[in-house]
Amino acid sequence: MATLTEDDLRLFVDAVKHYLKATSGQEPEITSAFLGDANVTGHEFNGIVSFMGGYSGQILVSMPQGMLRELLVLQHERNFTESNLLDAVGEVANTLAGNARKVFGPELDISVPTRLRGAQGITARVRERPYVITFRWNRHPALVCVDLERR
């Protein structure tokens, strides 16, 4: 499998920035980008989208409850149930995957988001050391883990 390029990874950074700026008017601060280990510890709410086709793997978006609540308020939503918070993080993951399809091509198959609650480690499926991008938005830390390879 071929590794992703810096431009491929920038797609995910730019997608996070665009999503949060469009939703809130405030662009997040990218705090780090590094190679993680096989288990990535995230935040309480996680959205995962799997990729098939010309690419194999998954992306994980992990956000804390406070961040998701603030995003829902900005969308005029007042229902902060666990289900709505999971839907919100799943929507962010789905948006990132949709942006990837625009760049990587229509032959890229993406799954519906899997939504998980809990900050337990998420095990990488494809890469021994997945790409981790951490960011801060409105005081809240969050991350995107790109565990993806070209076929």
N, C-alpha and C. Protein backbone atom coordinates (compact mmCIF):
# COMPACT_ATOMS: atom_id res chain seq x y z
N MET A 1 0.84 -1.18 0.00
CA MET A 1 0.00 0.00 0.00
C MET A 1 0.88 1.24 0.00
N ALA A 2 0.42 2.27 -0.66
CA ALA A 2 1.16 3.53 -0.74
C ALA A 2 0.73 4.47 0.38
N THR A 3 1.67 5.19 0.90
CA THR A 3 1.38 6.12 1.98
C THR A 3 0.72 7.38 1.44
N LEU A 4 0.03 8.08 2.29
CA LEU A 4 -0.59 9.34 1.90
C LEU A 4 0.47 10.43 1.82
N THR A 5 0.21 11.42 0.98
CA THR A 5 1.13 12.55 0.85
C THR A 5 0.74 13.65 1.83
N GLU A 6 1.60 14.63 1.95
CA GLU A 6 1.31 15.79 2.79
C GLU A 6 0.05 16.50 2.29
N ASP A 7 -0.12 16.58 0.97
CA ASP A 7 -1.32 17.21 0.41
C ASP A 7 -2.58 16.42 0.75
N ASP A 8 -2.47 15.08 0.75
CA ASP A 8 -3.61 14.24 1.12
C ASP A 8 -4.04 14.54 2.56
N LEU A 9 -3.07 14.66 3.45
CA LEU A 9 -3.37 14.92 4.86
C LEU A 9 -3.90 16.34 5.05
N ARG A 10 -3.39 17.28 4.26
CA ARG A 10 -3.86 18.66 4.37
C ARG A 10 -5.36 18.74 4.07
N LEU A 11 -5.86 17.84 3.22
CA LEU A 11 -7.28 17.78 2.93
C LEU A 11 -8.09 17.67 4.21
N PHE A 12 -7.66 16.81 5.13
CA PHE A 12 -8.40 16.60 6.37
C PHE A 12 -8.27 17.80 7.30
N VAL A 13 -7.08 18.40 7.35
CA VAL A 13 -6.88 19.61 8.15
C VAL A 13 -7.79 20.72 7.63
N ASP A 14 -7.76 20.92 6.33
CA ASP A 14 -8.58 21.98 5.72
C ASP A 14 -10.07 21.71 5.91
N ALA A 15 -10.47 20.46 5.84
CA ALA A 15 -11.89 20.12 6.01
C ALA A 15 -12.36 20.43 7.43
N VAL A 16 -11.53 20.14 8.43
CA VAL A 16 -11.88 20.46 9.82
C VAL A 16 -12.00 21.97 9.98
N LYS A 17 -11.01 22.69 9.46
CA LYS A 17 -11.04 24.15 9.56
C LYS A 17 -12.29 24.71 8.89
N HIS A 18 -12.58 24.25 7.69
CA HIS A 18 -13.74 24.76 6.95
C HIS A 18 -15.05 24.44 7.68
N TYR A 19 -15.19 23.22 8.16
CA TYR A 19 -16.43 22.83 8.85
C TYR A 19 -16.68 23.73 10.06
N LEU A 20 -15.66 23.89 10.91
CA LEU A 20 -15.86 24.66 12.13
C LEU A 20 -16.03 26.15 11.83
N LYS A 21 -15.32 26.65 10.85
CA LYS A 21 -15.48 28.07 10.50
C LYS A 21 -16.87 28.31 9.91
N ALA A 22 -17.34 27.41 9.05
CA ALA A 22 -18.67 27.56 8.46
C ALA A 22 -19.76 27.43 9.51
N THR A 23 -19.56 26.57 10.49
CA THR A 23 -20.57 26.34 11.52
C THR A 23 -20.58 27.45 12.57
N SER A 24 -19.39 27.93 12.92
CA SER A 24 -19.29 28.84 14.07
C SER A 24 -18.73 30.22 13.75
N GLY A 25 -18.10 30.36 12.57
CA GLY A 25 -17.42 31.61 12.27
C GLY A 25 -16.03 31.68 12.88
N GLN A 26 -15.65 30.64 13.60
CA GLN A 26 -14.35 30.61 14.28
C GLN A 26 -13.54 29.41 13.80
N GLU A 27 -12.38 29.69 13.21
CA GLU A 27 -11.51 28.62 12.72
C GLU A 27 -10.76 27.98 13.89
N PRO A 28 -10.60 26.67 13.89
CA PRO A 28 -9.85 26.03 14.98
C PRO A 28 -8.35 26.26 14.82
N GLU A 29 -7.65 26.11 15.91
CA GLU A 29 -6.18 26.17 15.91
C GLU A 29 -5.66 24.74 15.82
N ILE A 30 -4.86 24.45 14.81
CA ILE A 30 -4.23 23.13 14.72
C ILE A 30 -3.09 23.13 15.74
N THR A 31 -3.11 22.20 16.68
CA THR A 31 -2.12 22.21 17.76
C THR A 31 -0.97 21.24 17.52
N SER A 32 -1.22 20.16 16.78
CA SER A 32 -0.12 19.24 16.45
C SER A 32 -0.57 18.28 15.36
N ALA A 33 0.42 17.68 14.73
CA ALA A 33 0.20 16.61 13.76
C ALA A 33 1.36 15.65 13.95
N PHE A 34 1.04 14.38 14.16
CA PHE A 34 2.10 13.42 14.45
C PHE A 34 1.65 12.01 14.08
N LEU A 35 2.60 11.09 14.08
CA LEU A 35 2.29 9.68 13.89
C LEU A 35 1.96 9.08 15.24
N GLY A 36 0.74 8.58 15.35
CA GLY A 36 0.32 7.96 16.61
C GLY A 36 0.82 6.54 16.70
N ASP A 37 0.41 5.86 17.75
CA ASP A 37 0.72 4.44 17.83
C ASP A 37 -0.54 3.66 17.46
N ALA A 38 -0.53 2.38 17.65
CA ALA A 38 -1.64 1.54 17.19
C ALA A 38 -2.95 1.84 17.91
N ASN A 39 -2.88 2.40 19.11
CA ASN A 39 -4.08 2.77 19.86
C ASN A 39 -4.09 4.27 20.08
N VAL A 40 -5.11 4.93 19.57
CA VAL A 40 -5.24 6.37 19.71
C VAL A 40 -6.31 6.64 20.77
N THR A 41 -5.93 7.37 21.81
CA THR A 41 -6.90 7.73 22.84
C THR A 41 -7.58 9.02 22.45
N GLY A 42 -8.88 8.94 22.37
CA GLY A 42 -9.65 10.10 21.95
C GLY A 42 -10.41 10.72 23.09
N HIS A 43 -11.50 11.37 22.74
CA HIS A 43 -12.38 12.05 23.69
C HIS A 43 -13.65 11.23 23.86
N GLU A 44 -14.65 11.81 24.53
CA GLU A 44 -15.86 11.04 24.86
C GLU A 44 -16.70 10.61 23.66
N PHE A 45 -16.70 11.41 22.59
CA PHE A 45 -17.58 11.13 21.46
C PHE A 45 -16.75 10.97 20.18
N ASN A 46 -17.00 9.86 19.47
CA ASN A 46 -16.18 9.50 18.32
C ASN A 46 -17.06 9.13 17.13
N GLY A 47 -16.69 9.66 15.97
CA GLY A 47 -17.33 9.28 14.72
C GLY A 47 -16.28 8.67 13.81
N ILE A 48 -16.58 7.50 13.26
CA ILE A 48 -15.62 6.78 12.41
C ILE A 48 -16.27 6.49 11.07
N VAL A 49 -15.54 6.83 9.99
CA VAL A 49 -16.00 6.50 8.65
C VAL A 49 -14.93 5.62 8.01
N SER A 50 -15.36 4.49 7.45
CA SER A 50 -14.44 3.57 6.78
C SER A 50 -14.41 3.85 5.28
N PHE A 51 -13.24 3.60 4.68
CA PHE A 51 -13.02 3.83 3.25
C PHE A 51 -12.69 2.51 2.57
N MET A 52 -13.20 2.33 1.35
CA MET A 52 -12.89 1.19 0.50
C MET A 52 -12.71 1.72 -0.92
N GLY A 53 -12.28 0.88 -1.80
CA GLY A 53 -12.06 1.32 -3.18
C GLY A 53 -10.59 1.56 -3.41
N GLY A 54 -10.23 2.73 -3.89
CA GLY A 54 -8.83 3.06 -4.14
C GLY A 54 -8.03 3.31 -2.86
N TYR A 55 -8.74 3.40 -1.74
CA TYR A 55 -8.12 3.60 -0.44
C TYR A 55 -8.71 2.60 0.53
N SER A 56 -7.97 2.31 1.58
CA SER A 56 -8.44 1.38 2.59
C SER A 56 -8.16 1.98 3.96
N GLY A 57 -9.12 1.88 4.85
CA GLY A 57 -8.90 2.35 6.21
C GLY A 57 -10.08 3.13 6.74
N GLN A 58 -9.76 4.06 7.64
CA GLN A 58 -10.81 4.81 8.31
C GLN A 58 -10.28 6.17 8.77
N ILE A 59 -11.23 7.08 9.01
CA ILE A 59 -10.88 8.29 9.73
C ILE A 59 -11.74 8.33 10.98
N LEU A 60 -11.18 8.86 12.02
CA LEU A 60 -11.85 8.99 13.31
C LEU A 60 -11.86 10.46 13.68
N VAL A 61 -13.01 10.98 14.05
CA VAL A 61 -13.13 12.31 14.60
C VAL A 61 -13.52 12.13 16.06
N SER A 62 -12.76 12.74 16.96
CA SER A 62 -13.00 12.57 18.39
C SER A 62 -13.11 13.93 19.07
N MET A 63 -14.25 14.15 19.76
CA MET A 63 -14.53 15.44 20.36
C MET A 63 -15.11 15.27 21.76
N PRO A 64 -14.83 16.23 22.64
CA PRO A 64 -15.43 16.17 23.97
C PRO A 64 -16.87 16.66 23.96
N GLN A 65 -17.59 16.29 24.99
CA GLN A 65 -19.00 16.64 25.10
C GLN A 65 -19.23 18.14 25.03
N GLY A 66 -18.43 18.93 25.73
CA GLY A 66 -18.62 20.38 25.75
C GLY A 66 -18.54 21.00 24.37
N MET A 67 -17.62 20.53 23.56
CA MET A 67 -17.48 21.05 22.21
C MET A 67 -18.71 20.74 21.37
N LEU A 68 -19.19 19.52 21.46
CA LEU A 68 -20.37 19.13 20.69
C LEU A 68 -21.61 19.90 21.14
N ARG A 69 -21.74 20.13 22.44
CA ARG A 69 -22.87 20.92 22.94
C ARG A 69 -22.84 22.33 22.35
N GLU A 70 -21.65 22.95 22.32
CA GLU A 70 -21.53 24.29 21.76
C GLU A 70 -21.86 24.31 20.27
N LEU A 71 -21.42 23.29 19.54
CA LEU A 71 -21.74 23.21 18.12
C LEU A 71 -23.25 23.07 17.91
N LEU A 72 -23.89 22.26 18.75
CA LEU A 72 -25.34 22.10 18.63
C LEU A 72 -26.08 23.40 18.93
N VAL A 73 -25.62 24.15 19.93
CA VAL A 73 -26.23 25.44 20.25
C VAL A 73 -26.14 26.37 19.05
N LEU A 74 -24.98 26.39 18.40
CA LEU A 74 -24.81 27.24 17.21
C LEU A 74 -25.75 26.85 16.08
N GLN A 75 -26.20 25.60 16.09
CA GLN A 75 -27.14 25.12 15.07
C GLN A 75 -28.58 25.21 15.58
N HIS A 76 -28.77 25.95 16.68
CA HIS A 76 -30.08 26.18 17.30
C HIS A 76 -30.73 24.91 17.81
N GLU A 77 -29.91 23.98 18.22
CA GLU A 77 -30.39 22.70 18.78
C GLU A 77 -30.24 22.78 20.30
N ARG A 78 -31.26 22.38 21.02
CA ARG A 78 -31.23 22.42 22.48
C ARG A 78 -31.33 21.02 23.10
N ASN A 79 -31.36 20.02 22.25
CA ASN A 79 -31.45 18.65 22.72
C ASN A 79 -30.04 18.09 22.82
N PHE A 80 -29.56 17.91 24.05
CA PHE A 80 -28.18 17.47 24.27
C PHE A 80 -28.11 16.03 24.75
N THR A 81 -29.02 15.20 24.26
CA THR A 81 -28.98 13.80 24.63
C THR A 81 -27.73 13.15 24.06
N GLU A 82 -27.37 12.01 24.61
CA GLU A 82 -26.22 11.27 24.10
C GLU A 82 -26.39 10.97 22.61
N SER A 83 -27.58 10.62 22.22
CA SER A 83 -27.85 10.30 20.82
C SER A 83 -27.58 11.51 19.91
N ASN A 84 -28.01 12.71 20.32
CA ASN A 84 -27.77 13.90 19.51
C ASN A 84 -26.29 14.26 19.46
N LEU A 85 -25.59 14.08 20.57
CA LEU A 85 -24.15 14.35 20.59
C LEU A 85 -23.41 13.37 19.67
N LEU A 86 -23.82 12.11 19.69
CA LEU A 86 -23.23 11.12 18.78
C LEU A 86 -23.56 11.45 17.32
N ASP A 87 -24.79 11.90 17.07
CA ASP A 87 -25.15 12.31 15.70
C ASP A 87 -24.27 13.46 15.24
N ALA A 88 -23.99 14.40 16.13
CA ALA A 88 -23.18 15.57 15.77
C ALA A 88 -21.76 15.16 15.39
N VAL A 89 -21.12 14.31 16.17
CA VAL A 89 -19.75 13.90 15.85
C VAL A 89 -19.75 13.02 14.60
N GLY A 90 -20.80 12.23 14.42
CA GLY A 90 -20.92 11.43 13.20
C GLY A 90 -21.07 12.31 11.97
N GLU A 91 -21.78 13.42 12.10
CA GLU A 91 -21.96 14.36 10.98
C GLU A 91 -20.63 15.00 10.60
N VAL A 92 -19.81 15.34 11.59
CA VAL A 92 -18.49 15.91 11.29
C VAL A 92 -17.64 14.88 10.54
N ALA A 93 -17.63 13.64 11.01
CA ALA A 93 -16.87 12.58 10.34
C ALA A 93 -17.38 12.38 8.92
N ASN A 94 -18.68 12.39 8.74
CA ASN A 94 -19.27 12.21 7.42
C ASN A 94 -18.90 13.36 6.48
N THR A 95 -18.85 14.57 7.00
CA THR A 95 -18.46 15.73 6.20
C THR A 95 -17.01 15.60 5.74
N LEU A 96 -16.13 15.18 6.64
CA LEU A 96 -14.73 14.98 6.26
C LEU A 96 -14.61 13.91 5.18
N ALA A 97 -15.37 12.83 5.33
CA ALA A 97 -15.32 11.76 4.33
C ALA A 97 -15.84 12.25 2.97
N GLY A 98 -16.90 13.07 2.99
CA GLY A 98 -17.42 13.62 1.75
C GLY A 98 -16.41 14.51 1.05
N ASN A 99 -15.66 15.29 1.83
CA ASN A 99 -14.61 16.12 1.24
C ASN A 99 -13.50 15.25 0.65
N ALA A 100 -13.19 14.15 1.31
CA ALA A 100 -12.18 13.23 0.78
C ALA A 100 -12.63 12.65 -0.56
N ARG A 101 -13.91 12.32 -0.67
CA ARG A 101 -14.42 11.77 -1.93
C ARG A 101 -14.28 12.79 -3.06
N LYS A 102 -14.50 14.07 -2.78
CA LYS A 102 -14.36 15.11 -3.81
C LYS A 102 -12.93 15.15 -4.35
N VAL A 103 -11.95 14.94 -3.47
CA VAL A 103 -10.54 15.03 -3.86
C VAL A 103 -10.03 13.70 -4.40
N PHE A 104 -10.35 12.59 -3.74
CA PHE A 104 -9.81 11.28 -4.11
C PHE A 104 -10.59 10.62 -5.24
N GLY A 105 -11.78 11.12 -5.55
CA GLY A 105 -12.53 10.60 -6.69
C GLY A 105 -13.78 9.84 -6.29
N PRO A 106 -14.73 9.75 -7.22
CA PRO A 106 -16.02 9.11 -6.94
C PRO A 106 -15.93 7.60 -6.73
N GLU A 107 -14.80 6.98 -7.12
CA GLU A 107 -14.67 5.54 -6.91
C GLU A 107 -14.38 5.21 -5.44
N LEU A 108 -14.13 6.23 -4.63
CA LEU A 108 -13.91 6.03 -3.21
C LEU A 108 -15.23 5.69 -2.54
N ASP A 109 -15.31 4.53 -1.95
CA ASP A 109 -16.51 4.12 -1.21
C ASP A 109 -16.33 4.48 0.25
N ILE A 110 -17.35 5.11 0.83
CA ILE A 110 -17.30 5.46 2.24
C ILE A 110 -18.51 4.88 2.95
N SER A 111 -18.30 4.49 4.19
CA SER A 111 -19.39 3.92 4.98
C SER A 111 -20.19 5.03 5.65
N VAL A 112 -21.35 4.68 6.16
CA VAL A 112 -22.04 5.60 7.04
C VAL A 112 -21.23 5.66 8.33
N PRO A 113 -21.28 6.77 9.05
CA PRO A 113 -20.46 6.89 10.25
C PRO A 113 -20.87 5.89 11.33
N THR A 114 -19.87 5.33 11.96
CA THR A 114 -20.07 4.55 13.19
C THR A 114 -19.83 5.54 14.32
N ARG A 115 -20.71 5.54 15.29
CA ARG A 115 -20.60 6.49 16.39
C ARG A 115 -20.31 5.71 17.67
N LEU A 116 -19.31 6.17 18.41
CA LEU A 116 -18.92 5.48 19.64
C LEU A 116 -18.81 6.46 20.78
N ARG A 117 -19.22 6.03 21.95
CA ARG A 117 -19.07 6.85 23.16
C ARG A 117 -17.97 6.24 23.99
N GLY A 118 -17.08 7.07 24.49
CA GLY A 118 -16.03 6.62 25.39
C GLY A 118 -14.65 7.01 24.88
N ALA A 119 -13.79 7.37 25.82
CA ALA A 119 -12.45 7.83 25.47
C ALA A 119 -11.45 6.69 25.39
N GLN A 120 -11.92 5.46 25.35
CA GLN A 120 -11.02 4.33 25.23
C GLN A 120 -10.22 4.41 23.94
N GLY A 121 -9.13 3.72 23.92
CA GLY A 121 -8.30 3.73 22.72
C GLY A 121 -9.02 3.17 21.52
N ILE A 122 -8.80 3.77 20.39
CA ILE A 122 -9.34 3.29 19.13
C ILE A 122 -8.18 2.60 18.41
N THR A 123 -8.36 1.35 18.06
CA THR A 123 -7.27 0.59 17.45
C THR A 123 -7.18 0.87 15.96
N ALA A 124 -5.97 1.20 15.51
CA ALA A 124 -5.73 1.42 14.09
C ALA A 124 -5.94 0.11 13.35
N ARG A 125 -6.49 0.20 12.13
CA ARG A 125 -6.76 -1.02 11.34
C ARG A 125 -5.78 -1.22 10.21
N VAL A 126 -5.25 -0.13 9.65
CA VAL A 126 -4.45 -0.23 8.43
C VAL A 126 -2.99 0.13 8.68
N ARG A 127 -2.78 1.24 9.30
CA ARG A 127 -1.43 1.74 9.53
C ARG A 127 -0.96 1.35 10.93
N GLU A 128 0.28 0.96 11.04
CA GLU A 128 0.85 0.71 12.37
C GLU A 128 0.90 2.02 13.16
N ARG A 129 1.16 3.12 12.44
CA ARG A 129 1.24 4.44 13.07
C ARG A 129 0.36 5.41 12.28
N PRO A 130 -0.91 5.52 12.66
CA PRO A 130 -1.82 6.42 11.92
C PRO A 130 -1.45 7.89 12.15
N TYR A 131 -1.91 8.72 11.23
CA TYR A 131 -1.70 10.15 11.33
C TYR A 131 -2.72 10.74 12.32
N VAL A 132 -2.25 11.54 13.25
CA VAL A 132 -3.13 12.17 14.23
C VAL A 132 -2.97 13.68 14.10
N ILE A 133 -4.08 14.37 13.98
CA ILE A 133 -4.11 15.82 13.88
C ILE A 133 -4.93 16.31 15.07
N THR A 134 -4.29 17.07 15.96
CA THR A 134 -5.03 17.61 17.10
C THR A 134 -5.31 19.08 16.85
N PHE A 135 -6.42 19.53 17.39
CA PHE A 135 -6.80 20.93 17.24
C PHE A 135 -7.59 21.39 18.45
N ARG A 136 -7.70 22.70 18.55
CA ARG A 136 -8.45 23.33 19.64
C ARG A 136 -9.44 24.31 19.01
N TRP A 137 -10.69 24.20 19.46
CA TRP A 137 -11.73 25.12 19.01
C TRP A 137 -12.47 25.62 20.24
N ASN A 138 -12.49 26.93 20.41
CA ASN A 138 -13.25 27.54 21.51
C ASN A 138 -12.92 26.87 22.85
N ARG A 139 -11.65 26.73 23.15
CA ARG A 139 -11.11 26.13 24.38
C ARG A 139 -11.14 24.60 24.40
N HIS A 140 -11.78 23.96 23.46
CA HIS A 140 -11.95 22.51 23.49
C HIS A 140 -10.91 21.80 22.62
N PRO A 141 -10.20 20.81 23.18
CA PRO A 141 -9.30 20.00 22.36
C PRO A 141 -10.09 18.92 21.63
N ALA A 142 -9.63 18.56 20.45
CA ALA A 142 -10.26 17.48 19.68
C ALA A 142 -9.20 16.91 18.76
N LEU A 143 -9.56 15.83 18.05
CA LEU A 143 -8.59 15.24 17.13
C LEU A 143 -9.26 14.55 15.97
N VAL A 144 -8.46 14.42 14.91
CA VAL A 144 -8.81 13.61 13.75
C VAL A 144 -7.68 12.61 13.58
N CYS A 145 -8.02 11.34 13.48
CA CYS A 145 -7.03 10.28 13.24
C CYS A 145 -7.27 9.73 11.85
N VAL A 146 -6.24 9.79 11.01
CA VAL A 146 -6.35 9.32 9.62
C VAL A 146 -5.57 8.00 9.54
N ASP A 147 -6.31 6.91 9.52
CA ASP A 147 -5.75 5.56 9.43
C ASP A 147 -6.11 5.04 8.05
N LEU A 148 -5.39 5.53 7.05
CA LEU A 148 -5.78 5.34 5.66
C LEU A 148 -4.56 5.15 4.79
N GLU A 149 -4.67 4.27 3.81
CA GLU A 149 -3.59 4.03 2.84
C GLU A 149 -4.20 3.90 1.45
N ARG A 150 -3.41 4.28 0.44
CA ARG A 150 -3.81 4.02 -0.95
C ARG A 150 -3.60 2.54 -1.23
N ARG A 151 -4.45 1.97 -2.06
CA ARG A 151 -4.29 0.58 -2.44
C ARG A 151 -3.32 0.47 -3.59
